[in-house]
């Protein structure tokens, strides 16, 4: 192979690699910059927050009712077990 053709091939290979690397860096930087932009905030909706607060309050009341029912059931079972088992007096 001729020396000039070989040199031309090397220069073109280096140039092609350089251009590909620059395009890759450009695409990667655009991707990183686009991902780092802050997302637009949703407007505050007072009505929506009021419904959310009401739902949380309702759930809290229901959980409290279930807890009281569980305590009552546990107390009844404990009293029943105490009445059935002789010698376990409290």
PDB file of N, CA and C in Angstrom:
ATOM      1  N   UNK A   1       0.838  -1.159   0.000  1.00  0.00           N
ATOM      2  CA  UNK A   1       0.000   0.000   0.000  1.00  0.00           C
ATOM      3  C   UNK A   1       0.895   1.238   0.000  1.00  0.00           C
ATOM      4  N   UNK A   2       0.456   2.222  -0.712  1.00  0.00           N
ATOM      5  CA  UNK A   2       1.213   3.463  -0.842  1.00  0.00           C
ATOM      6  C   UNK A   2       1.216   4.204   0.502  1.00  0.00           C
ATOM      7  N   UNK A   3       2.320   4.853   0.801  1.00  0.00           N
ATOM      8  CA  UNK A   3       2.465   5.558   2.063  1.00  0.00           C
ATOM      9  C   UNK A   3       1.463   6.703   2.183  1.00  0.00           C
ATOM     10  N   UNK A   4       1.193   7.422   1.107  1.00  0.00           N
ATOM     11  CA  UNK A   4       0.233   8.538   1.138  1.00  0.00           C
ATOM     12  C   UNK A   4      -1.194   8.048   1.399  1.00  0.00           C
ATOM     13  N   UNK A   5      -1.556   6.906   0.785  1.00  0.00           N
ATOM     14  CA  UNK A   5      -2.894   6.347   0.993  1.00  0.00           C
ATOM     15  C   UNK A   5      -3.043   5.904   2.446  1.00  0.00           C
ATOM     16  N   UNK A   6      -2.018   5.289   2.998  1.00  0.00           N
ATOM     17  CA  UNK A   6      -2.032   4.843   4.387  1.00  0.00           C
ATOM     18  C   UNK A   6      -2.162   6.048   5.332  1.00  0.00           C
ATOM     19  N   UNK A   7      -1.427   7.110   5.105  1.00  0.00           N
ATOM     20  CA  UNK A   7      -1.492   8.313   5.936  1.00  0.00           C
ATOM     21  C   UNK A   7      -2.882   8.948   5.844  1.00  0.00           C
ATOM     22  N   UNK A   8      -3.414   8.971   4.610  1.00  0.00           N
ATOM     23  CA  UNK A   8      -4.756   9.523   4.433  1.00  0.00           C
ATOM     24  C   UNK A   8      -5.784   8.700   5.211  1.00  0.00           C
ATOM     25  N   UNK A   9      -5.676   7.374   5.209  1.00  0.00           N
ATOM     26  CA  UNK A   9      -6.597   6.501   5.923  1.00  0.00           C
ATOM     27  C   UNK A   9      -6.493   6.724   7.434  1.00  0.00           C
ATOM     28  N   UNK A  10      -5.278   6.904   7.933  1.00  0.00           N
ATOM     29  CA  UNK A  10      -5.086   7.151   9.360  1.00  0.00           C
ATOM     30  C   UNK A  10      -5.700   8.483   9.759  1.00  0.00           C
ATOM     31  N   UNK A  11      -5.441   9.520   8.950  1.00  0.00           N
ATOM     32  CA  UNK A  11      -5.990  10.842   9.255  1.00  0.00           C
ATOM     33  C   UNK A  11      -7.521  10.796   9.227  1.00  0.00           C
ATOM     34  N   UNK A  12      -8.095  10.130   8.227  1.00  0.00           N
ATOM     35  CA  UNK A  12      -9.550  10.032   8.136  1.00  0.00           C
ATOM     36  C   UNK A  12     -10.124   9.226   9.303  1.00  0.00           C
ATOM     37  N   UNK A  13      -9.444   8.191   9.729  1.00  0.00           N
ATOM     38  CA  UNK A  13      -9.889   7.407  10.890  1.00  0.00           C
ATOM     39  C   UNK A  13      -9.888   8.235  12.158  1.00  0.00           C
ATOM     40  N   UNK A  14      -8.808   8.999  12.362  1.00  0.00           N
ATOM     41  CA  UNK A  14      -8.726   9.858  13.550  1.00  0.00           C
ATOM     42  C   UNK A  14      -9.798  10.927  13.483  1.00  0.00           C
ATOM     43  N   UNK A  15      -9.975  11.538  12.309  1.00  0.00           N
ATOM     44  CA  UNK A  15     -10.978  12.577  12.144  1.00  0.00           C
ATOM     45  C   UNK A  15     -12.385  12.021  12.358  1.00  0.00           C
ATOM     46  N   UNK A  16     -12.679  10.862  11.823  1.00  0.00           N
ATOM     47  CA  UNK A  16     -13.994  10.232  12.012  1.00  0.00           C
ATOM     48  C   UNK A  16     -14.250   9.890  13.476  1.00  0.00           C
ATOM     49  N   UNK A  17     -13.220   9.381  14.154  1.00  0.00           N
ATOM     50  CA  UNK A  17     -13.355   9.070  15.575  1.00  0.00           C
ATOM     51  C   UNK A  17     -13.597  10.342  16.385  1.00  0.00           C
ATOM     52  N   UNK A  18     -12.869  11.408  16.047  1.00  0.00           N
ATOM     53  CA  UNK A  18     -13.036  12.686  16.748  1.00  0.00           C
ATOM     54  C   UNK A  18     -14.452  13.224  16.556  1.00  0.00           C
ATOM     55  N   UNK A  19     -14.954  13.180  15.337  1.00  0.00           N
ATOM     56  CA  UNK A  19     -16.298  13.697  15.055  1.00  0.00           C
ATOM     57  C   UNK A  19     -17.352  12.849  15.786  1.00  0.00           C
ATOM     58  N   UNK A  20     -17.179  11.540  15.764  1.00  0.00           N
ATOM     59  CA  UNK A  20     -18.128  10.664  16.467  1.00  0.00           C
ATOM     60  C   UNK A  20     -18.105  10.933  17.969  1.00  0.00           C
ATOM     61  N   UNK A  21     -16.923  11.163  18.526  1.00  0.00           N
ATOM     62  CA  UNK A  21     -16.822  11.459  19.956  1.00  0.00           C
ATOM     63  C   UNK A  21     -17.487  12.794  20.278  1.00  0.00           C
ATOM     64  N   UNK A  22     -17.315  13.793  19.432  1.00  0.00           N
ATOM     65  CA  UNK A  22     -17.935  15.092  19.682  1.00  0.00           C
ATOM     66  C   UNK A  22     -19.459  15.003  19.598  1.00  0.00           C
ATOM     67  N   UNK A  23     -19.966  14.253  18.629  1.00  0.00           N
ATOM     68  CA  UNK A  23     -21.416  14.071  18.518  1.00  0.00           C
ATOM     69  C   UNK A  23     -21.934  13.336  19.754  1.00  0.00           C
ATOM     70  N   UNK A  24     -21.233  12.318  20.191  1.00  0.00           N
ATOM     71  CA  UNK A  24     -21.630  11.587  21.401  1.00  0.00           C
ATOM     72  C   UNK A  24     -21.636  12.468  22.634  1.00  0.00           C
ATOM     73  N   UNK A  25     -20.617  13.308  22.780  1.00  0.00           N
ATOM     74  CA  UNK A  25     -20.572  14.225  23.914  1.00  0.00           C
ATOM     75  C   UNK A  25     -21.708  15.240  23.860  1.00  0.00           C
ATOM     76  N   UNK A  26     -22.022  15.729  22.664  1.00  0.00           N
ATOM     77  CA  UNK A  26     -23.109  16.682  22.503  1.00  0.00           C
ATOM     78  C   UNK A  26     -24.442  16.054  22.891  1.00  0.00           C
ATOM     79  N   UNK A  27     -24.689  14.845  22.410  1.00  0.00           N
ATOM     80  CA  UNK A  27     -25.952  14.162  22.726  1.00  0.00           C
ATOM     81  C   UNK A  27     -26.037  13.869  24.220  1.00  0.00           C
ATOM     82  N   UNK A  28     -24.941  13.425  24.807  1.00  0.00           N
ATOM     83  CA  UNK A  28     -24.940  13.125  26.243  1.00  0.00           C
ATOM     84  C   UNK A  28     -25.151  14.388  27.073  1.00  0.00           C
ATOM     85  N   UNK A  29     -24.525  15.491  26.678  1.00  0.00           N
ATOM     86  CA  UNK A  29     -24.700  16.731  27.439  1.00  0.00           C
ATOM     87  C   UNK A  29     -26.133  17.238  27.327  1.00  0.00           C
ATOM     88  N   UNK A  30     -26.749  17.113  26.152  1.00  0.00           N
ATOM     89  CA  UNK A  30     -28.150  17.525  25.998  1.00  0.00           C
ATOM     90  C   UNK A  30     -29.057  16.671  26.878  1.00  0.00           C
ATOM     91  N   UNK A  31     -28.768  15.374  26.925  1.00  0.00           N
ATOM     92  CA  UNK A  31     -29.556  14.467  27.758  1.00  0.00           C
ATOM     93  C   UNK A  31     -29.430  14.836  29.235  1.00  0.00           C
ATOM     94  N   UNK A  32     -28.200  15.089  29.687  1.00  0.00           N
ATOM     95  CA  UNK A  32     -27.973  15.433  31.096  1.00  0.00           C
ATOM     96  C   UNK A  32     -28.618  16.772  31.424  1.00  0.00           C
ATOM     97  N   UNK A  33     -28.495  17.755  30.565  1.00  0.00           N
ATOM     98  CA  UNK A  33     -29.104  19.061  30.822  1.00  0.00           C
ATOM     99  C   UNK A  33     -30.624  18.979  30.840  1.00  0.00           C
ATOM    100  N   UNK A  34     -31.183  18.165  29.968  1.00  0.00           N
ATOM    101  CA  UNK A  34     -32.633  18.036  29.927  1.00  0.00           C
ATOM    102  C   UNK A  34     -33.140  17.327  31.179  1.00  0.00           C
ATOM    103  N   UNK A  35     -32.404  16.342  31.674  1.00  0.00           N
ATOM    104  CA  UNK A  35     -32.824  15.627  32.878  1.00  0.00           C
ATOM    105  C   UNK A  35     -32.663  16.471  34.131  1.00  0.00           C
ATOM    106  N   UNK A  36     -31.737  17.424  34.121  1.00  0.00           N
ATOM    107  CA  UNK A  36     -31.482  18.216  35.319  1.00  0.00           C
ATOM    108  C   UNK A  36     -32.400  19.431  35.429  1.00  0.00           C
ATOM    109  N   UNK A  37     -33.201  19.707  34.417  1.00  0.00           N
ATOM    110  CA  UNK A  37     -34.134  20.834  34.483  1.00  0.00           C
ATOM    111  C   UNK A  37     -35.219  20.506  35.507  1.00  0.00           C
ATOM    112  N   UNK A  38     -35.611  21.494  36.312  1.00  0.00           N
ATOM    113  CA  UNK A  38     -36.675  21.226  37.283  1.00  0.00           C
ATOM    114  C   UNK A  38     -38.010  21.012  36.569  1.00  0.00           C
ATOM    115  N   UNK A  39     -38.766  20.096  37.084  1.00  0.00           N
ATOM    116  CA  UNK A  39     -40.076  19.822  36.507  1.00  0.00           C
ATOM    117  C   UNK A  39     -41.041  20.938  36.905  1.00  0.00           C
ATOM    118  N   UNK A  40     -41.981  21.254  36.042  1.00  0.00           N
ATOM    119  CA  UNK A  40     -42.942  22.305  36.399  1.00  0.00           C
ATOM    120  C   UNK A  40     -43.820  21.842  37.563  1.00  0.00           C
ATOM    121  N   UNK A  41     -44.034  22.734  38.511  1.00  0.00           N
ATOM    122  CA  UNK A  41     -44.843  22.425  39.683  1.00  0.00           C
ATOM    123  C   UNK A  41     -46.320  22.520  39.330  1.00  0.00           C
ATOM    124  N   UNK A  42     -47.085  21.595  39.885  1.00  0.00           N
ATOM    125  CA  UNK A  42     -48.530  21.660  39.687  1.00  0.00           C
ATOM    126  C   UNK A  42     -49.081  22.786  40.564  1.00  0.00           C
ATOM    127  N   UNK A  43     -50.074  23.484  40.090  1.00  0.00           N
ATOM    128  CA  UNK A  43     -50.641  24.551  40.910  1.00  0.00           C
ATOM    129  C   UNK A  43     -51.301  23.970  42.160  1.00  0.00           C
ATOM    130  N   UNK A  44     -51.239  24.726  43.241  1.00  0.00           N
ATOM    131  CA  UNK A  44     -51.830  24.290  44.504  1.00  0.00           C
ATOM    132  C   UNK A  44     -53.342  24.409  44.390  1.00  0.00           C
ATOM    133  N   UNK A  45     -54.007  23.316  44.703  1.00  0.00           N
ATOM    134  CA  UNK A  45     -55.464  23.278  44.626  1.00  0.00           C
ATOM    135  C   UNK A  45     -56.002  23.087  46.043  1.00  0.00           C
ATOM    136  N   UNK A  46     -56.544  24.156  46.631  1.00  0.00           N
ATOM    137  CA  UNK A  46     -57.026  24.097  48.013  1.00  0.00           C
ATOM    138  C   UNK A  46     -58.169  23.107  48.186  1.00  0.00           C
ATOM    139  N   UNK A  47     -59.014  23.022  47.197  1.00  0.00           N
ATOM    140  CA  UNK A  47     -60.140  22.078  47.286  1.00  0.00           C
ATOM    141  C   UNK A  47     -59.634  20.640  47.331  1.00  0.00           C
ATOM    142  N   UNK A  48     -58.624  20.365  46.543  1.00  0.00           N
ATOM    143  CA  UNK A  48     -58.060  19.016  46.515  1.00  0.00           C
ATOM    144  C   UNK A  48     -57.407  18.682  47.856  1.00  0.00           C
ATOM    145  N   UNK A  49     -56.687  19.645  48.433  1.00  0.00           N
ATOM    146  CA  UNK A  49     -56.072  19.413  49.734  1.00  0.00           C
ATOM    147  C   UNK A  49     -57.132  19.228  50.816  1.00  0.00           C
ATOM    148  N   UNK A  50     -58.243  19.934  50.714  1.00  0.00           N
ATOM    149  CA  UNK A  50     -59.321  19.781  51.690  1.00  0.00           C
ATOM    150  C   UNK A  50     -59.911  18.381  51.613  1.00  0.00           C
ATOM    151  N   UNK A  51     -60.107  17.871  50.398  1.00  0.00           N
ATOM    152  CA  UNK A  51     -60.614  16.495  50.238  1.00  0.00           C
ATOM    153  C   UNK A  51     -59.612  15.485  50.778  1.00  0.00           C
ATOM    154  N   UNK A  52     -58.331  15.725  50.528  1.00  0.00           N
ATOM    155  CA  UNK A  52     -57.294  14.825  51.031  1.00  0.00           C
ATOM    156  C   UNK A  52     -57.279  14.831  52.561  1.00  0.00           C
ATOM    157  N   UNK A  53     -57.380  16.000  53.160  1.00  0.00           N
ATOM    158  CA  UNK A  53     -57.401  16.105  54.621  1.00  0.00           C
ATOM    159  C   UNK A  53     -58.617  15.394  55.200  1.00  0.00           C
ATOM    160  N   UNK A  54     -59.760  15.545  54.561  1.00  0.00           N
ATOM    161  CA  UNK A  54     -60.975  14.877  55.017  1.00  0.00           C
ATOM    162  C   UNK A  54     -60.825  13.365  54.919  1.00  0.00           C
ATOM    163  N   UNK A  55     -60.211  12.880  53.833  1.00  0.00           N
ATOM    164  CA  UNK A  55     -60.012  11.440  53.672  1.00  0.00           C
ATOM    165  C   UNK A  55     -59.065  10.893  54.739  1.00  0.00           C
ATOM    166  N   UNK A  56     -58.014  11.632  55.052  1.00  0.00           N
ATOM    167  CA  UNK A  56     -57.065  11.188  56.079  1.00  0.00           C
ATOM    168  C   UNK A  56     -57.750  11.171  57.445  1.00  0.00           C
ATOM    169  N   UNK A  57     -58.557  12.182  57.744  1.00  0.00           N
ATOM    170  CA  UNK A  57     -59.285  12.210  59.011  1.00  0.00           C
ATOM    171  C   UNK A  57     -60.246  11.032  59.122  1.00  0.00           C
ATOM    172  N   UNK A  58     -60.939  10.729  58.030  1.00  0.00           N
ATOM    173  CA  UNK A  58     -61.870   9.610  58.027  1.00  0.00           C
ATOM    174  C   UNK A  58     -61.134   8.294  58.262  1.00  0.00           C
ATOM    175  N   UNK A  59     -59.996   8.128  57.618  1.00  0.00           N
ATOM    176  CA  UNK A  59     -59.217   6.900  57.823  1.00  0.00           C
ATOM    177  C   UNK A  59     -58.725   6.794  59.255  1.00  0.00           C
ATOM    178  N   UNK A  60     -58.318   7.913  59.838  1.00  0.00           N
ATOM    179  CA  UNK A  60     -57.836   7.891  61.224  1.00  0.00           C
ATOM    180  C   UNK A  60     -58.951   7.472  62.171  1.00  0.00           C
ATOM    181  N   UNK A  61     -60.154   7.972  61.948  1.00  0.00           N
ATOM    182  CA  UNK A  61     -61.290   7.600  62.802  1.00  0.00           C
ATOM    183  C   UNK A  61     -61.599   6.115  62.654  1.00  0.00           C
ATOM    184  N   UNK A  62     -61.587   5.627  61.418  1.00  0.00           N
ATOM    185  CA  UNK A  62     -61.876   4.206  61.195  1.00  0.00           C
ATOM    186  C   UNK A  62     -60.806   3.315  61.829  1.00  0.00           C
ATOM    187  N   UNK A  63     -59.561   3.709  61.730  1.00  0.00           N
ATOM    188  CA  UNK A  63     -58.484   2.920  62.345  1.00  0.00           C
ATOM    189  C   UNK A  63     -58.635   2.928  63.860  1.00  0.00           C
ATOM    190  N   UNK A  64     -59.019   4.066  64.422  1.00  0.00           N
ATOM    191  CA  UNK A  64     -59.244   4.139  65.870  1.00  0.00           C
ATOM    192  C   UNK A  64     -60.391   3.221  66.284  1.00  0.00           C
ATOM    193  N   UNK A  65     -61.454   3.196  65.495  1.00  0.00           N
ATOM    194  CA  UNK A  65     -62.588   2.302  65.797  1.00  0.00           C
ATOM    195  C   UNK A  65     -62.170   0.844  65.739  1.00  0.00           C
ATOM    196  N   UNK A  66     -61.378   0.481  64.740  1.00  0.00           N
ATOM    197  CA  UNK A  66     -60.916  -0.911  64.637  1.00  0.00           C
ATOM    198  C   UNK A  66     -60.024  -1.274  65.813  1.00  0.00           C
ATOM    199  N   UNK A  67     -59.190  -0.338  66.239  1.00  0.00           N
ATOM    200  CA  UNK A  67     -58.299  -0.592  67.372  1.00  0.00           C
ATOM    201  C   UNK A  67     -59.107  -0.807  68.642  1.00  0.00           C
ATOM    202  N   UNK A  68     -60.123   0.026  68.876  1.00  0.00           N
ATOM    203  CA  UNK A  68     -60.971  -0.145  70.050  1.00  0.00           C
ATOM    204  C   UNK A  68     -61.698  -1.482  70.006  1.00  0.00           C
ATOM    205  N   UNK A  69     -62.201  -1.883  68.837  1.00  0.00           N
ATOM    206  CA  UNK A  69     -62.885  -3.172  68.706  1.00  0.00           C
ATOM    207  C   UNK A  69     -61.924  -4.321  68.993  1.00  0.00           C
ATOM    208  N   UNK A  70     -60.681  -4.192  68.526  1.00  0.00           N
ATOM    209  CA  UNK A  70     -59.697  -5.243  68.782  1.00  0.00           C
ATOM    210  C   UNK A  70     -59.366  -5.322  70.274  1.00  0.00           C
ATOM    211  N   UNK A  71     -59.229  -4.182  70.938  1.00  0.00           N
ATOM    212  CA  UNK A  71     -58.974  -4.183  72.388  1.00  0.00           C
ATOM    213  C   UNK A  71     -60.130  -4.821  73.142  1.00  0.00           C
ATOM    214  N   UNK A  72     -61.349  -4.476  72.742  1.00  0.00           N
ATOM    215  CA  UNK A  72     -62.523  -5.031  73.401  1.00  0.00           C
ATOM    216  C   UNK A  72     -62.584  -6.545  73.219  1.00  0.00           C
ATOM    217  N   UNK A  73     -62.312  -7.009  72.002  1.00  0.00           N
ATOM    218  CA  UNK A  73     -62.321  -8.448  71.734  1.00  0.00           C
ATOM    219  C   UNK A  73     -61.234  -9.151  72.532  1.00  0.00           C
ATOM    220  N   UNK A  74     -60.069  -8.571  72.599  1.00  0.00           N
ATOM    221  CA  UNK A  74     -58.970  -9.168  73.372  1.00  0.00           C
ATOM    222  C   UNK A  74     -59.332  -9.230  74.851  1.00  0.00           C
ATOM    223  N   UNK A  75     -59.999  -8.194  75.361  1.00  0.00           N
ATOM    224  CA  UNK A  75     -60.416  -8.187  76.769  1.00  0.00           C
ATOM    225  C   UNK A  75     -61.436  -9.288  77.024  1.00  0.00           C
ATOM    226  N   UNK A  76     -62.428  -9.423  76.127  1.00  0.00           N
ATOM    227  CA  UNK A  76     -63.431 -10.477  76.284  1.00  0.00           C
ATOM    228  C   UNK A  76     -62.797 -11.860  76.253  1.00  0.00           C
ATOM    229  N   UNK A  77     -61.871 -12.081  75.317  1.00  0.00           N
ATOM    230  CA  UNK A  77     -61.212 -13.383  75.240  1.00  0.00           C
ATOM    231  C   UNK A  77     -60.369 -13.654  76.482  1.00  0.00           C
ATOM    232  N   UNK A  78     -59.739 -12.640  77.011  1.00  0.00           N
ATOM    233  CA  UNK A  78     -58.937 -12.796  78.224  1.00  0.00           C
ATOM    234  C   UNK A  78     -59.832 -13.124  79.417  1.00  0.00           C
ATOM    235  N   UNK A  79     -60.969 -12.432  79.526  1.00  0.00           N
ATOM    236  CA  UNK A  79     -61.901 -12.712  80.613  1.00  0.00           C
ATOM    237  C   UNK A  79     -62.471 -14.121  80.494  1.00  0.00           C
ATOM    238  N   UNK A  80     -62.770 -14.530  79.284  1.00  0.00           N
ATOM    239  CA  UNK A  80     -63.316 -15.869  79.050  1.00  0.00           C
ATOM    240  C   UNK A  80     -62.288 -16.936  79.386  1.00  0.00           C
ATOM    241  N   UNK A  81     -61.034 -16.687  78.992  1.00  0.00           N
ATOM    242  CA  UNK A  81     -59.979 -17.653  79.303  1.00  0.00           C
ATOM    243  C   UNK A  81     -59.744 -17.732  80.806  1.00  0.00           C
ATOM    244  N   UNK A  82     -59.875 -16.632  81.524  1.00  0.00           N
ATOM    245  CA  UNK A  82     -59.689 -16.621  82.974  1.00  0.00           C
ATOM    246  C   UNK A  82     -60.804 -17.401  83.652  1.00  0.00           C
ATOM    247  N   UNK A  83     -62.021 -17.317  83.121  1.00  0.00           N
ATOM    248  CA  UNK A  83     -63.149 -18.025  83.701  1.00  0.00           C
ATOM    249  C   UNK A  83     -63.042 -19.525  83.432  1.00  0.00           C
ATOM    250  N   UNK A  84     -62.505 -19.921  82.310  1.00  0.00           N
ATOM    251  CA  UNK A  84     -62.415 -21.337  81.949  1.00  0.00           C
ATOM    252  C   UNK A  84     -61.274 -22.022  82.678  1.00  0.00           C
ATOM    253  N   UNK A  85     -60.115 -21.387  82.760  1.00  0.00           N
ATOM    254  CA  UNK A  85     -58.927 -21.990  83.370  1.00  0.00           C
ATOM    255  C   UNK A  85     -58.958 -21.785  84.895  1.00  0.00           C
ATOM    256  N   UNK A  86     -59.105 -22.865  85.639  1.00  0.00           N
ATOM    257  CA  UNK A  86     -59.085 -22.713  87.099  1.00  0.00           C
ATOM    258  C   UNK A  86     -57.645 -22.479  87.590  1.00  0.00           C
ATOM    259  N   UNK A  87     -57.505 -21.774  88.644  1.00  0.00           N
ATOM    260  CA  UNK A  87     -56.193 -21.535  89.230  1.00  0.00           C
ATOM    261  C   UNK A  87     -55.505 -20.302  88.685  1.00  0.00           C
ATOM    262  N   UNK A  88     -55.966 -19.770  87.600  1.00  0.00           N
ATOM    263  CA  UNK A  88     -55.375 -18.547  87.020  1.00  0.00           C
ATOM    264  C   UNK A  88     -56.248 -17.375  87.434  1.00  0.00           C
ATOM    265  N   UNK A  89     -56.099 -16.983  88.670  1.00  0.00           N
ATOM    266  CA  UNK A  89     -56.940 -15.905  89.203  1.00  0.00           C
ATOM    267  C   UNK A  89     -56.182 -14.601  89.178  1.00  0.00           C
ATOM    268  N   UNK A  90     -56.893 -13.578  88.816  1.00  0.00           N
ATOM    269  CA  UNK A  90     -56.240 -12.262  88.719  1.00  0.00           C
ATOM    270  C   UNK A  90     -56.934 -11.295  89.612  1.00  0.00           C
TER     271      UNK A  90
END
